[in-house]
Protein backbone atom coordinates (compact mmCIF):
# COMPACT_ATOMS: atom_id res chain seq x y z
CA MET A 1 -3.06 -60.48 66.07
CA ASN A 2 -0.73 -56.98 65.57
CA MET A 3 -2.15 -55.59 61.82
CA GLN A 4 0.44 -52.91 60.41
CA LYS A 5 -0.56 -51.11 57.40
CA ILE A 6 2.55 -51.22 55.00
CA GLN A 7 2.43 -48.29 52.76
CA LYS A 8 3.50 -48.45 49.16
CA GLY A 9 5.27 -45.27 47.30
CA PHE A 10 7.62 -42.54 47.28
CA THR A 11 7.97 -39.97 49.80
CA LEU A 12 7.96 -36.43 49.10
CA ILE A 13 11.46 -36.30 49.29
CA GLU A 14 12.24 -38.98 47.01
CA LEU A 15 10.01 -37.25 44.65
CA MET A 16 12.25 -33.83 44.91
CA ILE A 17 15.00 -35.67 44.34
CA VAL A 18 14.01 -37.13 40.99
CA VAL A 19 12.61 -33.73 39.74
CA ALA A 20 15.57 -31.81 40.43
CA ILE A 21 17.61 -34.08 38.58
CA ILE A 22 15.28 -34.11 35.77
CA GLY A 23 15.56 -30.31 35.65
CA ILE A 24 19.44 -30.25 35.57
CA LEU A 25 19.31 -32.92 32.64
CA ALA A 26 17.04 -30.35 30.99
CA ALA A 27 19.05 -27.48 31.54
CA ILE A 28 21.97 -29.06 29.80
CA GLY A 29 20.33 -30.81 27.23
CA ILE A 30 18.12 -28.09 25.76
CA PRO A 31 20.76 -25.53 24.40
CA ALA A 32 22.90 -28.50 23.37
CA TYR A 33 19.79 -29.36 21.35
CA GLN A 34 19.18 -26.04 20.17
CA ASN A 35 22.75 -25.44 19.21
CA TYR A 36 22.52 -28.96 17.11
CA ILE A 37 19.63 -27.52 15.24
CA ILE A 38 21.29 -24.01 14.14
CA ARG A 39 24.40 -26.12 12.94
CA ALA A 40 21.85 -28.31 10.75
CA GLN A 41 20.21 -24.89 9.45
CA VAL A 42 23.31 -23.43 8.55
CA SER A 43 24.65 -26.47 6.98
CA GLU A 44 21.82 -26.00 3.97
CA GLY A 45 24.13 -23.08 2.70
CA PRO A 46 27.13 -25.32 1.68
CA ALA A 47 24.65 -27.83 0.19
CA LEU A 48 23.11 -25.20 -1.81
CA LEU A 49 26.25 -23.82 -3.17
CA GLY A 50 27.17 -26.42 -5.83
CA PRO A 51 25.61 -25.09 -9.07
CA VAL A 52 27.00 -21.73 -8.16
CA GLN A 53 30.49 -22.89 -7.51
CA THR A 54 30.14 -25.22 -10.65
CA ALA A 55 28.88 -21.94 -12.85
CA LEU A 56 31.74 -19.88 -11.43
CA SER A 57 34.49 -22.67 -12.12
CA GLU A 58 33.14 -22.84 -16.21
CA TYR A 59 33.29 -19.07 -16.06
CA TYR A 60 36.84 -19.07 -14.99
CA GLY A 61 38.09 -21.48 -16.92
CA ASN A 62 36.92 -19.70 -19.86
CA ILE A 63 37.25 -16.36 -19.07
CA GLY A 64 40.46 -16.54 -16.66
CA ASP A 65 39.34 -13.73 -14.40
CA ALA A 66 36.63 -13.85 -11.32
CA THR A 67 36.83 -10.22 -10.73
CA LYS A 68 33.76 -9.41 -12.20
CA ALA A 69 31.80 -12.27 -11.84
CA ASP A 70 28.49 -12.20 -10.13
CA LEU A 71 25.59 -14.47 -10.53
CA PRO A 72 23.84 -13.12 -13.95
CA THR A 73 27.40 -13.11 -15.46
CA ILE A 74 28.10 -16.57 -14.75
CA GLY A 75 24.81 -17.73 -16.14
CA ILE A 76 23.04 -17.92 -12.99
CA ALA A 77 19.49 -16.13 -13.23
CA ASN A 78 17.87 -17.69 -10.32
CA PRO A 79 20.10 -18.40 -7.21
CA PRO A 80 19.31 -21.41 -4.89
CA THR A 81 17.52 -20.71 -2.07
CA GLY A 82 16.10 -23.28 0.34
CA LYS A 83 14.10 -23.44 3.66
CA TYR A 84 16.94 -21.96 5.85
CA VAL A 85 19.07 -19.83 2.81
CA SER A 86 17.04 -16.68 2.01
CA LEU A 87 19.52 -14.96 -0.20
CA MET A 88 22.42 -16.17 -2.15
CA SER A 89 24.16 -13.07 -4.08
CA MET A 90 27.66 -12.95 -5.35
CA THR A 91 30.41 -10.15 -5.76
CA THR A 92 33.65 -10.35 -7.26
CA GLY A 93 33.29 -14.11 -7.29
CA GLN A 94 32.48 -14.49 -3.40
CA ILE A 95 29.52 -15.91 -2.65
CA THR A 96 27.21 -14.48 0.19
CA VAL A 97 24.64 -16.71 1.67
CA THR A 98 22.16 -15.05 3.81
CA TYR A 99 19.80 -17.37 6.31
CA GLY A 100 16.39 -16.44 7.09
CA ASN A 101 12.96 -18.08 5.87
CA SER A 102 12.19 -20.32 8.62
CA SER A 103 15.84 -20.48 10.23
CA ASN A 104 16.11 -19.96 13.94
CA ALA A 105 16.17 -16.52 15.17
CA ALA A 106 19.70 -16.55 16.32
CA ILE A 107 20.74 -16.99 12.33
CA THR A 108 18.11 -14.84 10.50
CA GLY A 109 19.68 -12.29 8.64
CA LYS A 110 23.27 -13.55 9.35
CA THR A 111 26.04 -14.29 6.61
CA VAL A 112 28.32 -16.59 5.49
CA ILE A 113 31.00 -15.75 2.65
CA TRP A 114 32.94 -17.90 0.52
CA THR A 115 35.56 -17.22 -1.76
CA PRO A 116 37.14 -18.86 -4.37
CA TYR A 117 40.85 -19.65 -4.15
CA ALA A 118 42.85 -21.33 -7.33
CA ASP A 119 46.10 -23.42 -7.15
CA ALA A 120 49.06 -23.36 -9.55
CA SER A 121 46.64 -26.11 -11.84
CA GLY A 122 43.58 -23.80 -11.69
CA ALA A 123 41.65 -26.20 -9.38
CA ILE A 124 39.48 -23.96 -7.02
CA THR A 125 39.04 -24.05 -3.57
CA TRP A 126 36.13 -22.92 -2.03
CA LEU A 127 36.80 -21.49 1.44
CA CYS A 128 34.71 -19.61 3.92
CA ASN A 129 35.95 -16.55 5.39
CA ALA A 130 36.16 -17.21 9.11
CA GLY A 131 37.75 -19.42 11.55
CA ALA A 132 41.34 -20.93 12.40
CA THR A 133 41.05 -23.68 9.47
CA THR A 134 40.57 -20.88 6.82
CA THR A 135 43.75 -19.60 7.99
CA ALA A 136 45.45 -22.79 8.86
CA THR A 137 44.12 -24.10 4.84
CA LEU A 138 45.76 -20.98 3.21
CA ALA A 139 49.30 -21.10 5.21
CA ALA A 140 49.26 -24.87 4.36
CA ASN A 141 48.73 -24.03 0.71
CA THR A 142 50.81 -21.03 0.02
CA ASN A 143 50.22 -21.61 -3.87
CA LEU A 144 46.25 -20.83 -3.36
CA LYS A 145 45.37 -17.51 -4.72
CA GLN A 146 42.49 -15.38 -4.50
CA LEU A 147 40.62 -14.82 -7.62
CA THR A 148 38.31 -12.03 -6.42
CA GLY A 149 41.49 -9.84 -7.86
CA GLY A 150 42.72 -8.52 -4.74
CA ALA A 151 39.26 -7.22 -3.70
CA ALA A 152 39.22 -7.59 0.31
CA VAL A 153 37.65 -11.00 1.44
CA ALA A 154 34.65 -9.99 3.21
CA SER A 155 33.98 -11.77 6.76
CA GLY A 156 30.54 -12.87 7.18
CA THR A 157 28.14 -12.07 10.46
CA LEU A 158 27.45 -15.28 11.41
CA LEU A 159 30.84 -15.55 13.22
CA ALA A 160 29.83 -12.68 15.09
CA VAL A 161 27.05 -14.71 16.51
CA ASN A 162 28.30 -17.76 17.62
CA PRO A 163 31.56 -19.25 16.09
CA SER A 164 30.31 -22.78 16.63
CA TYR A 165 27.26 -22.02 14.23
CA LEU A 166 29.56 -22.14 11.28
CA PRO A 167 29.95 -25.16 9.11
CA SER A 168 32.99 -27.33 10.20
CA ILE A 169 34.86 -26.53 7.35
CA CYS A 170 34.93 -22.68 8.59
CA GLN A 171 35.89 -23.61 11.80
């Protein structure tokens, strides 16, 4: 009677192949996930803009000029902040959103600047000052005029870090 012992399990080569495949998937997946997390943190800025945008719209509707608009002038004593937005400020009607607090190190201290534009009817459109979308929107809507009284439109520092982090309206 010939008794052969049957081995069960994986060979060392098979285990090494599986480990290599997992390593490749992790090398691709982790940066993509990190980028997703940062974009989610950046999206908090536009979400917090609502009260400030509304206050500036009312101010502009009443005064007809936004060149001297800053947060106290438009009635915002305590600008909104959040988990990732550490500061919101305004100069000549432009809103600067600064990221900090619990934000990723890649965007901490970086800014996105939003500028108001009005059409012929006085309706205000907010554009962030970076990316091809802003340029395309202005080119397509030649009736939009900047409400900052000709003050230079500032560009935020977040664009310099990684343009893909910007909100989709800015890209």
